[in-house]
C-alpha atoms as a PDB file:
ATOM      1  CA  GLY A   1     -72.265   8.498  85.489  1.00  0.00           C
ATOM      2  CA  ALA A   2     -72.542   8.814  89.262  1.00  0.00           C
ATOM      3  CA  GLU A   3     -69.043   7.593  89.830  1.00  0.00           C
ATOM      4  CA  VAL A   4     -67.630  10.287  87.523  1.00  0.00           C
ATOM      5  CA  GLY A   5     -69.592  12.937  89.395  1.00  0.00           C
ATOM      6  CA  ALA A   6     -68.273  11.818  92.681  1.00  0.00           C
ATOM      7  CA  VAL A   7     -64.716  11.848  91.522  1.00  0.00           C
ATOM      8  CA  VAL A   8     -65.106  15.308  89.925  1.00  0.00           C
ATOM      9  CA  GLN A   9     -66.579  16.694  93.212  1.00  0.00           C
ATOM     10  CA  GLY A  10     -63.811  15.017  95.243  1.00  0.00           C
ATOM     11  CA  ILE A  11     -60.986  16.490  93.098  1.00  0.00           C
ATOM     12  CA  GLY A  12     -62.675  19.995  93.288  1.00  0.00           C
ATOM     13  CA  ARG A  13     -62.974  19.687  97.079  1.00  0.00           C
ATOM     14  CA  GLY A  14     -59.389  18.362  97.276  1.00  0.00           C
ATOM     15  CA  PHE A  15     -58.063  21.569  95.658  1.00  0.00           C
ATOM     16  CA  VAL A  16     -60.234  23.953  97.757  1.00  0.00           C
ATOM     17  CA  ASP A  17     -59.303  22.033 100.952  1.00  0.00           C
ATOM     18  CA  THR A  18     -55.598  22.974 100.301  1.00  0.00           C
ATOM     19  CA  ALA A  19     -56.571  26.614 101.265  1.00  0.00           C
ATOM     20  CA  ARG A  20     -54.771  27.846  98.209  1.00  0.00           C
ATOM     21  CA  PHE A  21     -57.709  27.901  95.827  1.00  0.00           C
ATOM     22  CA  ALA A  22     -61.040  29.549  96.084  1.00  0.00           C
ATOM     23  CA  ARG A  23     -62.943  27.639  93.460  1.00  0.00           C
ATOM     24  CA  VAL A  24     -62.390  24.924  90.894  1.00  0.00           C
ATOM     25  CA  HIS A  25     -63.952  25.185  87.405  1.00  0.00           C
ATOM     26  CA  VAL A  26     -64.520  21.945  85.622  1.00  0.00           C
ATOM     27  CA  ASN A  27     -64.593  21.887  81.826  1.00  0.00           C
ATOM     28  CA  ARG A  28     -65.286  19.022  79.519  1.00  0.00           C
ATOM     29  CA  TRP A  29     -64.265  19.096  75.875  1.00  0.00           C
ATOM     30  CA  GLY A  30     -65.465  16.377  73.508  1.00  0.00           C
ATOM     31  CA  ASP A  31     -62.999  14.974  70.949  1.00  0.00           C
ATOM     32  CA  GLY A  32     -65.369  12.774  69.109  1.00  0.00           C
ATOM     33  CA  GLY A  33     -67.795  10.185  70.274  1.00  0.00           C
ATOM     34  CA  SER A  34     -65.364   7.683  71.802  1.00  0.00           C
ATOM     35  CA  HIS A  35     -63.872   9.812  74.662  1.00  0.00           C
ATOM     36  CA  PHE A  36     -63.771  13.184  76.356  1.00  0.00           C
ATOM     37  CA  HIS A  37     -61.300  15.359  78.229  1.00  0.00           C
ATOM     38  CA  VAL A  38     -61.967  16.814  81.679  1.00  0.00           C
ATOM     39  CA  TRP A  39     -59.945  19.851  82.677  1.00  0.00           C
ATOM     40  CA  PHE A  40     -59.835  21.348  86.220  1.00  0.00           C
ATOM     41  CA  PHE A  41     -58.944  24.989  86.569  1.00  0.00           C
ATOM     42  CA  ALA A  42     -58.381  26.015  90.172  1.00  0.00           C
ATOM     43  CA  ARG A  43     -58.731  29.709  90.922  1.00  0.00           C
ATOM     44  CA  PRO A  44     -56.046  30.835  93.310  1.00  0.00           C
ATOM     45  CA  LEU A  45     -57.349  32.276  96.665  1.00  0.00           C
ATOM     46  CA  GLY A  46     -57.702  36.081  96.365  1.00  0.00           C
ATOM     47  CA  ALA A  47     -57.352  36.189  92.554  1.00  0.00           C
ATOM     48  CA  MET A  48     -60.738  37.664  91.971  1.00  0.00           C
ATOM     49  CA  GLN A  49     -59.772  38.958  88.604  1.00  0.00           C
ATOM     50  CA  LEU A  50     -59.712  35.369  87.330  1.00  0.00           C
ATOM     51  CA  ARG A  51     -63.429  34.759  88.110  1.00  0.00           C
ATOM     52  CA  GLY A  52     -65.831  33.405  85.562  1.00  0.00           C
ATOM     53  CA  VAL A  53     -65.734  31.843  82.162  1.00  0.00           C
ATOM     54  CA  PHE A  54     -62.381  33.429  81.255  1.00  0.00           C
ATOM     55  CA  LEU A  55     -60.311  31.336  83.740  1.00  0.00           C
ATOM     56  CA  PRO A  56     -59.130  28.905  81.078  1.00  0.00           C
ATOM     57  CA  VAL A  57     -57.837  31.938  79.139  1.00  0.00           C
ATOM     58  CA  TRP A  58     -56.016  33.297  82.086  1.00  0.00           C
ATOM     59  CA  ASP A  59     -54.479  29.850  82.632  1.00  0.00           C
ATOM     60  CA  SER A  60     -52.788  30.071  79.283  1.00  0.00           C
ATOM     61  CA  VAL A  61     -51.445  33.611  80.105  1.00  0.00           C
ATOM     62  CA  LEU A  62     -50.268  33.420  83.695  1.00  0.00           C
ATOM     63  CA  GLU A  63     -46.847  32.166  84.642  1.00  0.00           C
ATOM     64  CA  PRO A  64     -46.896  28.449  85.780  1.00  0.00           C
ATOM     65  CA  MET A  65     -46.419  27.492  89.368  1.00  0.00           C
ATOM     66  CA  PRO A  66     -42.937  26.293  90.137  1.00  0.00           C
ATOM     67  CA  LEU A  67     -42.698  22.415  89.670  1.00  0.00           C
ATOM     68  CA  GLU A  68     -41.830  21.678  93.234  1.00  0.00           C
ATOM     69  CA  GLU A  69     -44.771  23.701  94.476  1.00  0.00           C
ATOM     70  CA  TRP A  70     -47.172  22.137  91.901  1.00  0.00           C
ATOM     71  CA  VAL A  71     -45.996  18.534  93.041  1.00  0.00           C
ATOM     72  CA  ALA A  72     -46.624  19.533  96.668  1.00  0.00           C
ATOM     73  CA  VAL A  73     -50.108  20.865  95.728  1.00  0.00           C
ATOM     74  CA  LEU A  74     -51.015  17.649  93.862  1.00  0.00           C
ATOM     75  CA  ALA A  75     -49.763  15.495  96.879  1.00  0.00           C
ATOM     76  CA  GLU A  76     -52.028  17.480  99.160  1.00  0.00           C
ATOM     77  CA  VAL A  77     -54.923  17.130  96.801  1.00  0.00           C
ATOM     78  CA  GLY A  78     -54.328  13.436  96.734  1.00  0.00           C
ATOM     79  CA  ARG A  79     -54.307  13.240 100.512  1.00  0.00           C
ATOM     80  CA  ASN A  80     -57.471  15.329 100.689  1.00  0.00           C
ATOM     81  CA  LEU A  81     -59.130  12.955  98.094  1.00  0.00           C
ATOM     82  CA  ASP A  82     -58.075   9.894 100.108  1.00  0.00           C
ATOM     83  CA  ALA A  83     -59.520  11.438 103.270  1.00  0.00           C
ATOM     84  CA  ASP A  84     -62.823  12.174 101.485  1.00  0.00           C
ATOM     85  CA  ILE A  85     -63.323   8.688 100.103  1.00  0.00           C
END
């Protein structure tokens, strides 16, 4: 319970603290009673057209970030999360 909430908040802050993302939307989809999936959708800074509940739809339409850049973002999020703990 509380531990999951703290981790979710930390990951969200980790993305926002990179100064690349304005907001992080967190979605949970159930896949039966034994487990669930948590998805983080980070809205890029300045991409106001991606606001709201349709961010997951945009995620499937937009071109993906180059792999090297994505790896760098994830490394920075990890450092931010470490600093937050």
